[in-house]
Amino acid sequence: MSGTIVAKWRRILQETGKTMSRYIYSFLVFFIFWVAFTTSLQTDELIVGAVVAFIMAFYTGKQFSEGGLSNLSFRKIVFTVRYLFVFVWEMIKANMDVAKRVLSPKMPIDPGIVEVPTKLKSNIAKLALANSITLTPGTLTVDVIEDKLYIHWINVTTTNPQETFGEISAVFEKYIKEIFE
């Protein structure tokens, strides 16, 4: 009898630890975003940020993270930082390309929807890839069906799925795979 009670308590503590880990992870992510967006380390800003992050984590902690603190490995952090640099660079290049097309009406524009395959398996990784593509000017993710993304592209240069993968999503996917899978 006492063995089953101990086993029940052990299971409850393990589940509580997992839940707390998810809330702590959510809090840390929200707080880091707060500091990054406010670009302030003043005490009052940090306190408000902590309160906002706590409230956000309280309401979204269960849905926000499946792995909890296990998501904070050194390797994932390094790939996230690398990804952010690559994303910003790709965004700058895409902005310049779209600006040239707007300012030079003779530049080719051949809009269309192309199929882009992905090797990503998790839904969160596919979401991150779709958002990365959409946030890059000149492309818009229209739909994600299983292992294919359908992208509206401002200047379709190829409809071959492997070539569209190389031109649109390959640069993002290698980092997203390391971060989310």
N, C-alpha and C. Protein backbone atom coordinates (compact mmCIF):
# COMPACT_ATOMS: atom_id res chain seq x y z
N MET A 1 0.82 -1.20 0.00
CA MET A 1 0.00 0.00 0.00
C MET A 1 0.86 1.26 0.00
N SER A 2 1.88 1.30 0.89
CA SER A 2 2.73 2.50 0.97
C SER A 2 3.57 2.68 -0.29
N GLY A 3 3.89 1.58 -0.97
CA GLY A 3 4.65 1.66 -2.21
C GLY A 3 3.87 2.35 -3.31
N THR A 4 2.57 2.09 -3.39
CA THR A 4 1.76 2.73 -4.42
C THR A 4 1.56 4.22 -4.11
N ILE A 5 1.47 4.56 -2.82
CA ILE A 5 1.33 5.97 -2.44
C ILE A 5 2.60 6.74 -2.80
N VAL A 6 3.74 6.15 -2.52
CA VAL A 6 5.02 6.78 -2.85
C VAL A 6 5.15 6.93 -4.36
N ALA A 7 4.76 5.92 -5.10
CA ALA A 7 4.83 5.99 -6.56
C ALA A 7 3.91 7.08 -7.10
N LYS A 8 2.71 7.21 -6.51
CA LYS A 8 1.79 8.27 -6.94
C LYS A 8 2.39 9.64 -6.68
N TRP A 9 2.96 9.83 -5.49
CA TRP A 9 3.56 11.13 -5.16
C TRP A 9 4.75 11.43 -6.06
N ARG A 10 5.55 10.41 -6.34
CA ARG A 10 6.68 10.60 -7.23
C ARG A 10 6.22 11.06 -8.62
N ARG A 11 5.16 10.42 -9.14
CA ARG A 11 4.61 10.79 -10.44
C ARG A 11 4.05 12.22 -10.41
N ILE A 12 3.34 12.57 -9.35
CA ILE A 12 2.80 13.93 -9.21
C ILE A 12 3.93 14.95 -9.19
N LEU A 13 5.00 14.69 -8.44
CA LEU A 13 6.13 15.61 -8.38
C LEU A 13 6.83 15.74 -9.73
N GLN A 14 6.95 14.63 -10.45
CA GLN A 14 7.56 14.68 -11.77
C GLN A 14 6.74 15.53 -12.72
N GLU A 15 5.41 15.33 -12.72
CA GLU A 15 4.54 16.12 -13.59
C GLU A 15 4.55 17.59 -13.20
N THR A 16 4.60 17.87 -11.90
CA THR A 16 4.67 19.25 -11.43
C THR A 16 5.98 19.88 -11.88
N GLY A 17 7.07 19.13 -11.80
CA GLY A 17 8.37 19.63 -12.25
C GLY A 17 8.37 19.95 -13.73
N LYS A 18 7.75 19.08 -14.53
CA LYS A 18 7.66 19.33 -15.97
C LYS A 18 6.83 20.59 -16.24
N THR A 19 5.71 20.72 -15.54
CA THR A 19 4.86 21.89 -15.73
C THR A 19 5.59 23.15 -15.33
N MET A 20 6.27 23.13 -14.19
CA MET A 20 7.03 24.31 -13.74
C MET A 20 8.13 24.65 -14.73
N SER A 21 8.77 23.62 -15.27
CA SER A 21 9.83 23.83 -16.25
C SER A 21 9.27 24.56 -17.47
N ARG A 22 8.07 24.21 -17.90
CA ARG A 22 7.46 24.87 -19.05
C ARG A 22 7.15 26.34 -18.74
N TYR A 23 6.65 26.60 -17.53
CA TYR A 23 6.34 27.98 -17.15
C TYR A 23 7.61 28.82 -17.03
N ILE A 24 8.64 28.25 -16.43
CA ILE A 24 9.91 28.98 -16.28
C ILE A 24 10.50 29.27 -17.65
N TYR A 25 10.48 28.29 -18.54
CA TYR A 25 10.99 28.49 -19.90
C TYR A 25 10.21 29.60 -20.60
N SER A 26 8.88 29.54 -20.51
CA SER A 26 8.04 30.57 -21.14
C SER A 26 8.36 31.94 -20.57
N PHE A 27 8.50 32.03 -19.24
CA PHE A 27 8.83 33.29 -18.61
C PHE A 27 10.15 33.84 -19.15
N LEU A 28 11.16 32.99 -19.21
CA LEU A 28 12.47 33.43 -19.69
C LEU A 28 12.41 33.93 -21.14
N VAL A 29 11.71 33.21 -21.98
CA VAL A 29 11.61 33.62 -23.39
C VAL A 29 10.89 34.96 -23.49
N PHE A 30 9.76 35.11 -22.80
CA PHE A 30 9.02 36.38 -22.85
C PHE A 30 9.85 37.53 -22.28
N PHE A 31 10.57 37.27 -21.20
CA PHE A 31 11.37 38.32 -20.58
C PHE A 31 12.52 38.74 -21.49
N ILE A 32 13.16 37.78 -22.15
CA ILE A 32 14.25 38.10 -23.09
C ILE A 32 13.72 38.93 -24.25
N PHE A 33 12.55 38.56 -24.77
CA PHE A 33 11.95 39.37 -25.82
C PHE A 33 11.63 40.77 -25.33
N TRP A 34 11.14 40.89 -24.11
CA TRP A 34 10.84 42.21 -23.54
C TRP A 34 12.10 43.07 -23.53
N VAL A 35 13.18 42.52 -23.00
CA VAL A 35 14.44 43.28 -22.91
C VAL A 35 14.94 43.63 -24.31
N ALA A 36 14.83 42.69 -25.24
CA ALA A 36 15.30 42.94 -26.61
C ALA A 36 14.50 44.05 -27.29
N PHE A 37 13.19 44.05 -27.07
CA PHE A 37 12.36 45.06 -27.73
C PHE A 37 12.41 46.42 -27.05
N THR A 38 12.57 46.45 -25.74
CA THR A 38 12.64 47.75 -25.06
C THR A 38 14.05 48.31 -25.09
N THR A 39 15.04 47.46 -25.29
CA THR A 39 16.46 47.83 -25.30
C THR A 39 16.82 48.70 -24.09
N SER A 40 16.27 48.33 -22.95
CA SER A 40 16.53 49.09 -21.73
C SER A 40 16.83 48.13 -20.58
N LEU A 41 17.81 48.50 -19.79
CA LEU A 41 18.12 47.72 -18.59
C LEU A 41 17.84 48.52 -17.32
N GLN A 42 16.99 49.52 -17.44
CA GLN A 42 16.60 50.30 -16.27
C GLN A 42 15.73 49.43 -15.37
N THR A 43 15.85 49.65 -14.09
CA THR A 43 15.16 48.82 -13.10
C THR A 43 13.66 48.80 -13.32
N ASP A 44 13.04 49.95 -13.52
CA ASP A 44 11.58 49.98 -13.70
C ASP A 44 11.15 49.23 -14.96
N GLU A 45 11.93 49.30 -16.03
CA GLU A 45 11.62 48.56 -17.26
C GLU A 45 11.74 47.06 -17.02
N LEU A 46 12.77 46.65 -16.29
CA LEU A 46 12.97 45.23 -16.00
C LEU A 46 11.85 44.69 -15.11
N ILE A 47 11.40 45.48 -14.16
CA ILE A 47 10.32 45.04 -13.27
C ILE A 47 9.02 44.88 -14.08
N VAL A 48 8.70 45.87 -14.89
CA VAL A 48 7.49 45.78 -15.72
C VAL A 48 7.61 44.58 -16.66
N GLY A 49 8.78 44.40 -17.24
CA GLY A 49 9.00 43.26 -18.14
C GLY A 49 8.82 41.93 -17.43
N ALA A 50 9.32 41.84 -16.21
CA ALA A 50 9.17 40.60 -15.44
C ALA A 50 7.71 40.33 -15.13
N VAL A 51 6.97 41.38 -14.78
CA VAL A 51 5.54 41.21 -14.49
C VAL A 51 4.79 40.77 -15.74
N VAL A 52 5.05 41.44 -16.86
CA VAL A 52 4.39 41.07 -18.12
C VAL A 52 4.76 39.65 -18.52
N ALA A 53 6.04 39.29 -18.41
CA ALA A 53 6.49 37.95 -18.76
C ALA A 53 5.85 36.91 -17.85
N PHE A 54 5.70 37.23 -16.57
CA PHE A 54 5.06 36.31 -15.63
C PHE A 54 3.60 36.08 -16.02
N ILE A 55 2.89 37.16 -16.32
CA ILE A 55 1.48 37.03 -16.70
C ILE A 55 1.35 36.23 -18.00
N MET A 56 2.20 36.54 -18.97
CA MET A 56 2.16 35.80 -20.24
C MET A 56 2.47 34.32 -20.02
N ALA A 57 3.48 34.03 -19.21
CA ALA A 57 3.84 32.64 -18.93
C ALA A 57 2.71 31.92 -18.20
N PHE A 58 2.05 32.62 -17.29
CA PHE A 58 0.95 32.02 -16.54
C PHE A 58 -0.18 31.59 -17.47
N TYR A 59 -0.50 32.42 -18.45
CA TYR A 59 -1.61 32.13 -19.34
C TYR A 59 -1.24 31.23 -20.51
N THR A 60 0.00 31.23 -20.92
CA THR A 60 0.37 30.47 -22.13
C THR A 60 1.44 29.42 -21.89
N GLY A 61 1.89 29.24 -20.67
CA GLY A 61 3.00 28.32 -20.39
C GLY A 61 2.79 26.91 -20.88
N LYS A 62 1.59 26.38 -20.69
CA LYS A 62 1.33 25.00 -21.13
C LYS A 62 1.33 24.87 -22.64
N GLN A 63 0.79 25.85 -23.32
CA GLN A 63 0.70 25.77 -24.77
C GLN A 63 1.99 26.20 -25.46
N PHE A 64 2.76 27.03 -24.80
CA PHE A 64 3.94 27.63 -25.42
C PHE A 64 5.08 26.66 -25.61
N SER A 65 5.26 25.75 -24.69
CA SER A 65 6.44 24.91 -24.74
C SER A 65 6.11 23.47 -24.36
N GLU A 66 6.61 22.55 -25.15
CA GLU A 66 6.46 21.14 -24.81
C GLU A 66 7.65 20.65 -23.99
N GLY A 67 8.83 21.15 -24.30
CA GLY A 67 10.04 20.64 -23.67
C GLY A 67 10.47 21.38 -22.42
N GLY A 68 9.93 22.56 -22.19
CA GLY A 68 10.32 23.33 -21.01
C GLY A 68 11.77 23.75 -21.06
N LEU A 69 12.43 23.68 -19.93
CA LEU A 69 13.83 24.13 -19.84
C LEU A 69 14.80 23.28 -20.65
N SER A 70 14.36 22.09 -21.05
CA SER A 70 15.23 21.26 -21.89
C SER A 70 15.49 21.92 -23.25
N ASN A 71 14.66 22.91 -23.61
CA ASN A 71 14.87 23.65 -24.86
C ASN A 71 16.07 24.59 -24.78
N LEU A 72 16.55 24.85 -23.60
CA LEU A 72 17.63 25.82 -23.44
C LEU A 72 19.03 25.18 -23.45
N SER A 73 19.28 24.35 -24.42
CA SER A 73 20.63 23.79 -24.52
C SER A 73 21.55 24.82 -25.17
N PHE A 74 22.82 24.73 -24.88
CA PHE A 74 23.81 25.65 -25.45
C PHE A 74 23.78 25.59 -26.96
N ARG A 75 23.68 24.39 -27.51
CA ARG A 75 23.66 24.20 -28.97
C ARG A 75 22.49 24.95 -29.61
N LYS A 76 21.29 24.84 -29.01
CA LYS A 76 20.11 25.51 -29.57
C LYS A 76 20.25 27.03 -29.47
N ILE A 77 20.83 27.50 -28.40
CA ILE A 77 21.04 28.94 -28.25
C ILE A 77 22.00 29.45 -29.32
N VAL A 78 23.08 28.72 -29.57
CA VAL A 78 24.04 29.11 -30.60
C VAL A 78 23.37 29.14 -31.98
N PHE A 79 22.60 28.10 -32.29
CA PHE A 79 21.92 28.07 -33.58
C PHE A 79 20.86 29.17 -33.69
N THR A 80 20.22 29.52 -32.59
CA THR A 80 19.24 30.61 -32.61
C THR A 80 19.91 31.93 -32.92
N VAL A 81 21.05 32.18 -32.30
CA VAL A 81 21.78 33.43 -32.56
C VAL A 81 22.24 33.46 -34.02
N ARG A 82 22.78 32.36 -34.51
CA ARG A 82 23.19 32.29 -35.91
C ARG A 82 22.01 32.53 -36.84
N TYR A 83 20.89 31.89 -36.51
CA TYR A 83 19.69 32.04 -37.33
C TYR A 83 19.24 33.50 -37.39
N LEU A 84 19.28 34.19 -36.26
CA LEU A 84 18.85 35.59 -36.24
C LEU A 84 19.71 36.44 -37.17
N PHE A 85 21.02 36.20 -37.19
CA PHE A 85 21.89 36.95 -38.10
C PHE A 85 21.56 36.62 -39.56
N VAL A 86 21.37 35.34 -39.85
CA VAL A 86 21.03 34.92 -41.22
C VAL A 86 19.68 35.51 -41.61
N PHE A 87 18.71 35.47 -40.72
CA PHE A 87 17.38 36.00 -41.01
C PHE A 87 17.44 37.49 -41.31
N VAL A 88 18.16 38.24 -40.50
CA VAL A 88 18.27 39.69 -40.73
C VAL A 88 18.95 39.96 -42.07
N TRP A 89 20.00 39.21 -42.38
CA TRP A 89 20.70 39.41 -43.65
C TRP A 89 19.78 39.09 -44.83
N GLU A 90 19.04 37.98 -44.75
CA GLU A 90 18.12 37.62 -45.83
C GLU A 90 17.01 38.65 -45.96
N MET A 91 16.57 39.21 -44.85
CA MET A 91 15.53 40.23 -44.90
C MET A 91 16.05 41.50 -45.58
N ILE A 92 17.28 41.87 -45.27
CA ILE A 92 17.89 43.05 -45.91
C ILE A 92 17.99 42.83 -47.42
N LYS A 93 18.49 41.66 -47.82
CA LYS A 93 18.62 41.36 -49.25
C LYS A 93 17.25 41.39 -49.94
N ALA A 94 16.24 40.81 -49.32
CA ALA A 94 14.91 40.77 -49.92
C ALA A 94 14.30 42.17 -50.01
N ASN A 95 14.53 42.99 -48.98
CA ASN A 95 14.04 44.36 -49.02
C ASN A 95 14.68 45.13 -50.16
N MET A 96 15.96 44.95 -50.35
CA MET A 96 16.66 45.64 -51.45
C MET A 96 16.11 45.17 -52.80
N ASP A 97 15.87 43.87 -52.94
CA ASP A 97 15.34 43.33 -54.19
C ASP A 97 13.95 43.90 -54.49
N VAL A 98 13.08 43.91 -53.50
CA VAL A 98 11.73 44.43 -53.71
C VAL A 98 11.78 45.93 -54.00
N ALA A 99 12.65 46.66 -53.30
CA ALA A 99 12.78 48.10 -53.55
C ALA A 99 13.24 48.36 -54.98
N LYS A 100 14.20 47.57 -55.48
CA LYS A 100 14.65 47.72 -56.87
C LYS A 100 13.51 47.47 -57.85
N ARG A 101 12.69 46.46 -57.56
CA ARG A 101 11.57 46.14 -58.44
C ARG A 101 10.52 47.25 -58.45
N VAL A 102 10.34 47.88 -57.31
CA VAL A 102 9.37 48.98 -57.23
C VAL A 102 9.89 50.21 -57.94
N LEU A 103 11.18 50.51 -57.77
CA LEU A 103 11.75 51.72 -58.34
C LEU A 103 12.12 51.58 -59.81
N SER A 104 12.28 50.36 -60.28
CA SER A 104 12.61 50.10 -61.69
C SER A 104 11.51 49.25 -62.31
N PRO A 105 10.55 49.87 -62.93
CA PRO A 105 9.43 49.11 -63.49
C PRO A 105 9.85 48.10 -64.55
N LYS A 106 11.04 48.25 -65.12
CA LYS A 106 11.49 47.32 -66.16
C LYS A 106 12.03 46.01 -65.58
N MET A 107 12.25 45.97 -64.25
CA MET A 107 12.73 44.73 -63.64
C MET A 107 11.63 43.67 -63.75
N PRO A 108 12.01 42.42 -63.95
CA PRO A 108 11.00 41.38 -64.15
C PRO A 108 10.21 41.10 -62.87
N ILE A 109 8.91 40.97 -63.09
CA ILE A 109 8.03 40.51 -62.02
C ILE A 109 7.15 39.44 -62.63
N ASP A 110 7.23 38.26 -62.08
CA ASP A 110 6.43 37.13 -62.56
C ASP A 110 5.86 36.43 -61.34
N PRO A 111 4.83 37.00 -60.71
CA PRO A 111 4.32 36.42 -59.47
C PRO A 111 3.61 35.09 -59.70
N GLY A 112 3.67 34.27 -58.67
CA GLY A 112 2.99 32.98 -58.74
C GLY A 112 3.16 32.22 -57.44
N ILE A 113 2.44 31.12 -57.34
CA ILE A 113 2.53 30.27 -56.16
C ILE A 113 3.35 29.04 -56.52
N VAL A 114 4.35 28.77 -55.69
CA VAL A 114 5.22 27.62 -55.92
C VAL A 114 5.16 26.67 -54.73
N GLU A 115 5.48 25.43 -55.01
CA GLU A 115 5.52 24.40 -53.97
C GLU A 115 6.95 24.27 -53.48
N VAL A 116 7.12 24.35 -52.16
CA VAL A 116 8.45 24.23 -51.58
C VAL A 116 8.42 23.06 -50.59
N PRO A 117 9.20 22.01 -50.85
CA PRO A 117 9.21 20.89 -49.91
C PRO A 117 10.01 21.24 -48.66
N THR A 118 9.70 20.56 -47.56
CA THR A 118 10.46 20.75 -46.33
C THR A 118 10.73 19.39 -45.71
N LYS A 119 11.86 19.30 -45.02
CA LYS A 119 12.21 18.07 -44.32
C LYS A 119 11.86 18.18 -42.84
N LEU A 120 11.34 19.32 -42.43
CA LEU A 120 11.00 19.53 -41.03
C LEU A 120 9.81 18.65 -40.66
N LYS A 121 9.82 18.12 -39.44
CA LYS A 121 8.75 17.22 -39.01
C LYS A 121 7.81 17.86 -37.99
N SER A 122 8.33 18.65 -37.08
CA SER A 122 7.46 19.20 -36.03
C SER A 122 6.68 20.40 -36.55
N ASN A 123 5.49 20.56 -36.02
CA ASN A 123 4.63 21.67 -36.45
C ASN A 123 5.24 23.02 -36.08
N ILE A 124 5.89 23.11 -34.93
CA ILE A 124 6.48 24.39 -34.52
C ILE A 124 7.62 24.77 -35.45
N ALA A 125 8.39 23.79 -35.92
CA ALA A 125 9.48 24.07 -36.86
C ALA A 125 8.91 24.54 -38.20
N LYS A 126 7.84 23.90 -38.66
CA LYS A 126 7.20 24.32 -39.91
C LYS A 126 6.62 25.72 -39.77
N LEU A 127 6.06 26.02 -38.60
CA LEU A 127 5.53 27.36 -38.35
C LEU A 127 6.64 28.40 -38.40
N ALA A 128 7.77 28.09 -37.77
CA ALA A 128 8.91 29.03 -37.78
C ALA A 128 9.41 29.25 -39.21
N LEU A 129 9.48 28.19 -39.99
CA LEU A 129 9.92 28.32 -41.38
C LEU A 129 8.92 29.15 -42.19
N ALA A 130 7.64 28.85 -42.05
CA ALA A 130 6.61 29.59 -42.78
C ALA A 130 6.65 31.07 -42.42
N ASN A 131 6.81 31.38 -41.14
CA ASN A 131 6.88 32.77 -40.72
C ASN A 131 8.15 33.45 -41.22
N SER A 132 9.25 32.74 -41.22
CA SER A 132 10.51 33.31 -41.73
C SER A 132 10.36 33.68 -43.20
N ILE A 133 9.73 32.80 -43.96
CA ILE A 133 9.53 33.07 -45.39
C ILE A 133 8.58 34.25 -45.57
N THR A 134 7.50 34.28 -44.81
CA THR A 134 6.52 35.35 -44.93
C THR A 134 7.10 36.70 -44.52
N LEU A 135 7.95 36.72 -43.52
CA LEU A 135 8.54 37.98 -43.06
C LEU A 135 9.62 38.51 -44.00
N THR A 136 10.04 37.69 -44.94
CA THR A 136 11.02 38.12 -45.93
C THR A 136 10.25 38.72 -47.11
N PRO A 137 10.44 39.99 -47.41
CA PRO A 137 9.68 40.63 -48.49
C PRO A 137 9.83 39.89 -49.83
N GLY A 138 8.72 39.84 -50.57
CA GLY A 138 8.73 39.17 -51.86
C GLY A 138 8.19 37.76 -51.81
N THR A 139 7.98 37.23 -50.61
CA THR A 139 7.44 35.90 -50.45
C THR A 139 6.36 35.92 -49.37
N LEU A 140 5.38 35.04 -49.53
CA LEU A 140 4.29 34.92 -48.58
C LEU A 140 3.87 33.47 -48.51
N THR A 141 3.89 32.89 -47.33
CA THR A 141 3.44 31.52 -47.17
C THR A 141 1.93 31.50 -47.21
N VAL A 142 1.39 30.77 -48.17
CA VAL A 142 -0.06 30.71 -48.35
C VAL A 142 -0.65 29.54 -47.59
N ASP A 143 0.06 28.39 -47.60
CA ASP A 143 -0.47 27.20 -46.94
C ASP A 143 0.68 26.24 -46.62
N VAL A 144 0.46 25.42 -45.62
CA VAL A 144 1.40 24.35 -45.27
C VAL A 144 0.58 23.07 -45.22
N ILE A 145 0.92 22.12 -46.09
CA ILE A 145 0.21 20.85 -46.13
C ILE A 145 1.26 19.75 -46.03
N GLU A 146 1.22 19.04 -44.90
CA GLU A 146 2.17 17.97 -44.59
C GLU A 146 3.60 18.46 -44.73
N ASP A 147 4.34 17.98 -45.72
CA ASP A 147 5.74 18.38 -45.86
C ASP A 147 5.96 19.34 -47.04
N LYS A 148 4.92 20.11 -47.37
CA LYS A 148 5.03 21.07 -48.46
C LYS A 148 4.50 22.43 -48.01
N LEU A 149 5.22 23.47 -48.40
CA LEU A 149 4.77 24.83 -48.18
C LEU A 149 4.40 25.40 -49.54
N TYR A 150 3.33 26.16 -49.58
CA TYR A 150 2.93 26.82 -50.81
C TYR A 150 3.18 28.31 -50.61
N ILE A 151 4.07 28.84 -51.45
CA ILE A 151 4.59 30.19 -51.28
C ILE A 151 4.20 31.05 -52.46
N HIS A 152 3.66 32.24 -52.18
CA HIS A 152 3.46 33.23 -53.24
C HIS A 152 4.78 33.97 -53.36
N TRP A 153 5.34 33.95 -54.56
CA TRP A 153 6.67 34.48 -54.81
C TRP A 153 6.56 35.61 -55.82
N ILE A 154 7.19 36.73 -55.57
CA ILE A 154 7.07 37.92 -56.42
C ILE A 154 7.64 37.71 -57.81
N ASN A 155 8.67 36.87 -57.92
CA ASN A 155 9.30 36.64 -59.22
C ASN A 155 9.67 35.16 -59.34
N VAL A 156 8.76 34.37 -59.84
CA VAL A 156 8.98 32.93 -59.97
C VAL A 156 10.04 32.68 -61.03
N THR A 157 11.16 32.14 -60.60
CA THR A 157 12.23 31.82 -61.54
C THR A 157 12.24 30.34 -61.88
N THR A 158 11.59 29.52 -61.04
CA THR A 158 11.50 28.09 -61.29
C THR A 158 10.28 27.54 -60.56
N THR A 159 9.73 26.46 -61.10
CA THR A 159 8.64 25.78 -60.41
C THR A 159 9.06 24.40 -59.93
N ASN A 160 10.30 24.05 -60.18
CA ASN A 160 10.83 22.78 -59.70
C ASN A 160 10.93 22.85 -58.17
N PRO A 161 10.25 21.93 -57.46
CA PRO A 161 10.24 22.00 -56.00
C PRO A 161 11.63 22.01 -55.35
N GLN A 162 12.55 21.23 -55.87
CA GLN A 162 13.89 21.21 -55.27
C GLN A 162 14.62 22.54 -55.47
N GLU A 163 14.43 23.15 -56.62
CA GLU A 163 15.06 24.44 -56.89
C GLU A 163 14.41 25.55 -56.07
N THR A 164 13.07 25.49 -55.90
CA THR A 164 12.41 26.51 -55.07
C THR A 164 12.85 26.37 -53.62
N PHE A 165 13.06 25.13 -53.17
CA PHE A 165 13.58 24.91 -51.82
C PHE A 165 14.92 25.61 -51.66
N GLY A 166 15.80 25.43 -52.63
CA GLY A 166 17.12 26.06 -52.57
C GLY A 166 17.07 27.57 -52.60
N GLU A 167 16.14 28.13 -53.36
CA GLU A 167 16.07 29.58 -53.48
C GLU A 167 15.31 30.25 -52.35
N ILE A 168 14.31 29.57 -51.79
CA ILE A 168 13.44 30.24 -50.82
C ILE A 168 13.71 29.82 -49.38
N SER A 169 13.80 28.53 -49.11
CA SER A 169 13.78 28.11 -47.71
C SER A 169 15.02 27.40 -47.18
N ALA A 170 15.92 26.98 -48.02
CA ALA A 170 17.06 26.19 -47.56
C ALA A 170 17.90 26.92 -46.51
N VAL A 171 18.11 28.21 -46.72
CA VAL A 171 18.96 28.98 -45.81
C VAL A 171 18.35 29.03 -44.41
N PHE A 172 17.01 29.05 -44.31
CA PHE A 172 16.35 29.09 -43.01
C PHE A 172 16.24 27.69 -42.40
N GLU A 173 15.92 26.71 -43.24
CA GLU A 173 15.58 25.38 -42.73
C GLU A 173 16.72 24.72 -41.97
N LYS A 174 17.95 24.90 -42.42
CA LYS A 174 19.05 24.22 -41.72
C LYS A 174 19.20 24.71 -40.29
N TYR A 175 18.91 25.97 -40.02
CA TYR A 175 18.99 26.49 -38.66
C TYR A 175 17.75 26.12 -37.86
N ILE A 176 16.58 26.23 -38.48
CA ILE A 176 15.34 25.92 -37.78
C ILE A 176 15.31 24.45 -37.36
N LYS A 177 15.85 23.59 -38.19
CA LYS A 177 15.90 22.15 -37.84
C LYS A 177 16.72 21.94 -36.57
N GLU A 178 17.83 22.63 -36.43
CA GLU A 178 18.67 22.48 -35.24
C GLU A 178 18.02 23.10 -34.01
N ILE A 179 17.22 24.13 -34.20
CA ILE A 179 16.60 24.80 -33.05
C ILE A 179 15.38 24.04 -32.54
N PHE A 180 14.52 23.56 -33.44
CA PHE A 180 13.23 23.03 -33.03
C PHE A 180 13.10 21.52 -33.10
N GLU A 181 14.03 20.83 -33.71
CA GLU A 181 13.86 19.37 -33.81
C GLU A 181 14.96 18.62 -33.13
